[in-house]
Amino acid sequence: MMLANQLVGADLVTVPREGKFTVRIPRFPLSPGRYYLNLFCEVNGILADWVTQAVFLTVEGGDFYGTGRLPPASHGGLLLSHEWSVEERAARETAGSDGKP
């Protein structure tokens, strides 16, 4: 995944000499595991720095869906909010061309 201030319209016009950057992710969508983060910085559209595997992040298990269930570790690391519904087809739509089911 990519998190970038420009993608969400948060252009950083000035940056202090000392301080910190904070990014807020309201519902963290990663399954439990260890993830490496790459960091890069552009100044006026020119790449100023790029650090691969700058830090790692350990994600603990949580109740992302509010059901007490998470997908198995073998099924990828991204959790997405989603909804399901079922709609029954009308009886005439299930009948064959001769009008019989």
C-alpha atoms as a PDB file:
ATOM      1  CA  MET A   1       0.000   0.000   0.000  1.00  0.00           C
ATOM      2  CA  MET A   2       1.100   3.566  -0.484  1.00  0.00           C
ATOM      3  CA  LEU A   3       0.389   6.397   1.912  1.00  0.00           C
ATOM      4  CA  ALA A   4       1.276   9.800   0.484  1.00  0.00           C
ATOM      5  CA  ASN A   5       0.321  13.244   1.731  1.00  0.00           C
ATOM      6  CA  GLN A   6      -0.182  14.534  -1.834  1.00  0.00           C
ATOM      7  CA  LEU A   7      -2.719  11.795  -2.636  1.00  0.00           C
ATOM      8  CA  VAL A   8      -5.041  13.072   0.084  1.00  0.00           C
ATOM      9  CA  GLY A   9      -4.477  16.770  -0.613  1.00  0.00           C
ATOM     10  CA  ALA A  10      -2.247  17.397   2.419  1.00  0.00           C
ATOM     11  CA  ASP A  11       0.593  19.229   0.678  1.00  0.00           C
ATOM     12  CA  LEU A  12       3.347  20.121   3.120  1.00  0.00           C
ATOM     13  CA  VAL A  13       4.263  23.643   2.040  1.00  0.00           C
ATOM     14  CA  THR A  14       6.704  24.216   4.885  1.00  0.00           C
ATOM     15  CA  VAL A  15       8.525  21.648   6.993  1.00  0.00           C
ATOM     16  CA  PRO A  16      10.072  22.571  10.343  1.00  0.00           C
ATOM     17  CA  ARG A  17      13.762  21.958  11.005  1.00  0.00           C
ATOM     18  CA  GLU A  18      12.772  19.652  13.866  1.00  0.00           C
ATOM     19  CA  GLY A  19       9.499  17.869  14.478  1.00  0.00           C
ATOM     20  CA  LYS A  20       7.594  14.802  13.376  1.00  0.00           C
ATOM     21  CA  PHE A  21       5.229  13.632  10.667  1.00  0.00           C
ATOM     22  CA  THR A  22       2.032  11.867  11.681  1.00  0.00           C
ATOM     23  CA  VAL A  23      -0.300   9.842   9.482  1.00  0.00           C
ATOM     24  CA  ARG A  24      -3.634   8.610  10.868  1.00  0.00           C
ATOM     25  CA  ILE A  25      -5.259   5.449   9.553  1.00  0.00           C
ATOM     26  CA  PRO A  26      -8.780   5.218  11.051  1.00  0.00           C
ATOM     27  CA  ARG A  27      -9.172   1.442  10.556  1.00  0.00           C
ATOM     28  CA  PHE A  28      -5.847  -0.297  10.137  1.00  0.00           C
ATOM     29  CA  PRO A  29      -6.377  -2.810   7.299  1.00  0.00           C
ATOM     30  CA  LEU A  30      -3.442  -5.219   7.785  1.00  0.00           C
ATOM     31  CA  SER A  31      -3.607  -8.771   9.074  1.00  0.00           C
ATOM     32  CA  PRO A  32      -1.329  -9.739  11.947  1.00  0.00           C
ATOM     33  CA  GLY A  33       2.310 -10.019  10.885  1.00  0.00           C
ATOM     34  CA  ARG A  34       5.543  -8.130  10.344  1.00  0.00           C
ATOM     35  CA  TYR A  35       5.734  -5.481   7.631  1.00  0.00           C
ATOM     36  CA  TYR A  36       8.702  -3.437   6.416  1.00  0.00           C
ATOM     37  CA  LEU A  37       8.219   0.215   5.573  1.00  0.00           C
ATOM     38  CA  ASN A  38      10.053   2.164   2.876  1.00  0.00           C
ATOM     39  CA  LEU A  39      10.288   5.913   3.259  1.00  0.00           C
ATOM     40  CA  PHE A  40      10.867   8.485   0.549  1.00  0.00           C
ATOM     41  CA  CYS A  41      10.859  12.236   0.365  1.00  0.00           C
ATOM     42  CA  GLU A  42      10.537  14.643  -2.554  1.00  0.00           C
ATOM     43  CA  VAL A  43      11.385  18.328  -2.474  1.00  0.00           C
ATOM     44  CA  ASN A  44       9.720  20.370  -5.217  1.00  0.00           C
ATOM     45  CA  GLY A  45       8.999  17.149  -7.116  1.00  0.00           C
ATOM     46  CA  ILE A  46      12.618  15.914  -6.987  1.00  0.00           C
ATOM     47  CA  LEU A  47      13.523  12.760  -5.067  1.00  0.00           C
ATOM     48  CA  ALA A  48      15.536  13.867  -2.020  1.00  0.00           C
ATOM     49  CA  ASP A  49      15.792  10.567  -0.119  1.00  0.00           C
ATOM     50  CA  TRP A  50      14.629   6.963  -0.338  1.00  0.00           C
ATOM     51  CA  VAL A  51      15.222   4.473   2.466  1.00  0.00           C
ATOM     52  CA  THR A  52      14.147   0.876   1.851  1.00  0.00           C
ATOM     53  CA  GLN A  53      13.176  -1.234   4.842  1.00  0.00           C
ATOM     54  CA  ALA A  54      13.666   1.845   7.034  1.00  0.00           C
ATOM     55  CA  VAL A  55      11.639   0.343   9.847  1.00  0.00           C
ATOM     56  CA  PHE A  56       9.449  -2.654  10.483  1.00  0.00           C
ATOM     57  CA  LEU A  57       5.967  -2.691  11.900  1.00  0.00           C
ATOM     58  CA  THR A  58       4.518  -5.573  13.884  1.00  0.00           C
ATOM     59  CA  VAL A  59       0.738  -5.810  13.620  1.00  0.00           C
ATOM     60  CA  GLU A  60      -1.039  -7.643  16.421  1.00  0.00           C
ATOM     61  CA  GLY A  61      -4.328  -9.456  15.870  1.00  0.00           C
ATOM     62  CA  GLY A  62      -7.515  -7.495  16.436  1.00  0.00           C
ATOM     63  CA  ASP A  63     -11.226  -7.615  15.750  1.00  0.00           C
ATOM     64  CA  PHE A  64     -11.231  -5.638  12.467  1.00  0.00           C
ATOM     65  CA  TYR A  65     -14.708  -6.807  11.400  1.00  0.00           C
ATOM     66  CA  GLY A  66     -16.280  -6.786  14.860  1.00  0.00           C
ATOM     67  CA  THR A  67     -17.114 -10.496  14.568  1.00  0.00           C
ATOM     68  CA  GLY A  68     -14.144 -11.944  16.437  1.00  0.00           C
ATOM     69  CA  ARG A  69     -12.963 -13.554  13.175  1.00  0.00           C
ATOM     70  CA  LEU A  70     -10.057 -12.880  10.828  1.00  0.00           C
ATOM     71  CA  PRO A  71      -9.172 -14.671   7.572  1.00  0.00           C
ATOM     72  CA  PRO A  72      -6.486 -17.358   7.795  1.00  0.00           C
ATOM     73  CA  ALA A  73      -2.897 -16.089   7.550  1.00  0.00           C
ATOM     74  CA  SER A  74      -2.599 -17.946   4.222  1.00  0.00           C
ATOM     75  CA  HIS A  75      -5.163 -15.619   2.602  1.00  0.00           C
ATOM     76  CA  GLY A  76      -3.266 -12.367   2.254  1.00  0.00           C
ATOM     77  CA  GLY A  77      -2.583  -9.475   4.537  1.00  0.00           C
ATOM     78  CA  LEU A  78      -5.093  -6.812   3.513  1.00  0.00           C
ATOM     79  CA  LEU A  79      -8.410  -6.442   5.333  1.00  0.00           C
ATOM     80  CA  LEU A  80     -11.148  -4.465   3.554  1.00  0.00           C
ATOM     81  CA  SER A  81     -14.470  -3.269   4.890  1.00  0.00           C
ATOM     82  CA  HIS A  82     -17.178  -4.873   2.831  1.00  0.00           C
ATOM     83  CA  GLU A  83     -20.848  -5.854   2.884  1.00  0.00           C
ATOM     84  CA  TRP A  84     -22.799  -8.819   1.506  1.00  0.00           C
ATOM     85  CA  SER A  85     -26.453  -9.224   0.573  1.00  0.00           C
ATOM     86  CA  VAL A  86     -28.625 -11.901  -0.990  1.00  0.00           C
ATOM     87  CA  GLU A  87     -31.495 -11.176  -3.326  1.00  0.00           C
ATOM     88  CA  GLU A  88     -33.943 -13.872  -4.317  1.00  0.00           C
ATOM     89  CA  ARG A  89     -34.741 -14.041  -8.001  1.00  0.00           C
ATOM     90  CA  ALA A  90     -38.429 -13.625  -8.910  1.00  0.00           C
ATOM     91  CA  ALA A  91     -40.253 -16.878  -9.732  1.00  0.00           C
ATOM     92  CA  ARG A  92     -40.859 -15.998 -13.407  1.00  0.00           C
ATOM     93  CA  GLU A  93     -37.144 -15.306 -13.890  1.00  0.00           C
ATOM     94  CA  THR A  94     -36.263 -18.822 -12.663  1.00  0.00           C
ATOM     95  CA  ALA A  95     -38.794 -20.566 -14.925  1.00  0.00           C
ATOM     96  CA  GLY A  96     -37.713 -22.050 -18.247  1.00  0.00           C
ATOM     97  CA  SER A  97     -38.897 -20.725 -21.612  1.00  0.00           C
ATOM     98  CA  ASP A  98     -41.906 -23.057 -21.453  1.00  0.00           C
ATOM     99  CA  GLY A  99     -42.996 -21.457 -18.157  1.00  0.00           C
ATOM    100  CA  LYS A 100     -41.985 -24.476 -16.083  1.00  0.00           C
ATOM    101  CA  PRO A 101     -39.274 -24.269 -13.399  1.00  0.00           C
END
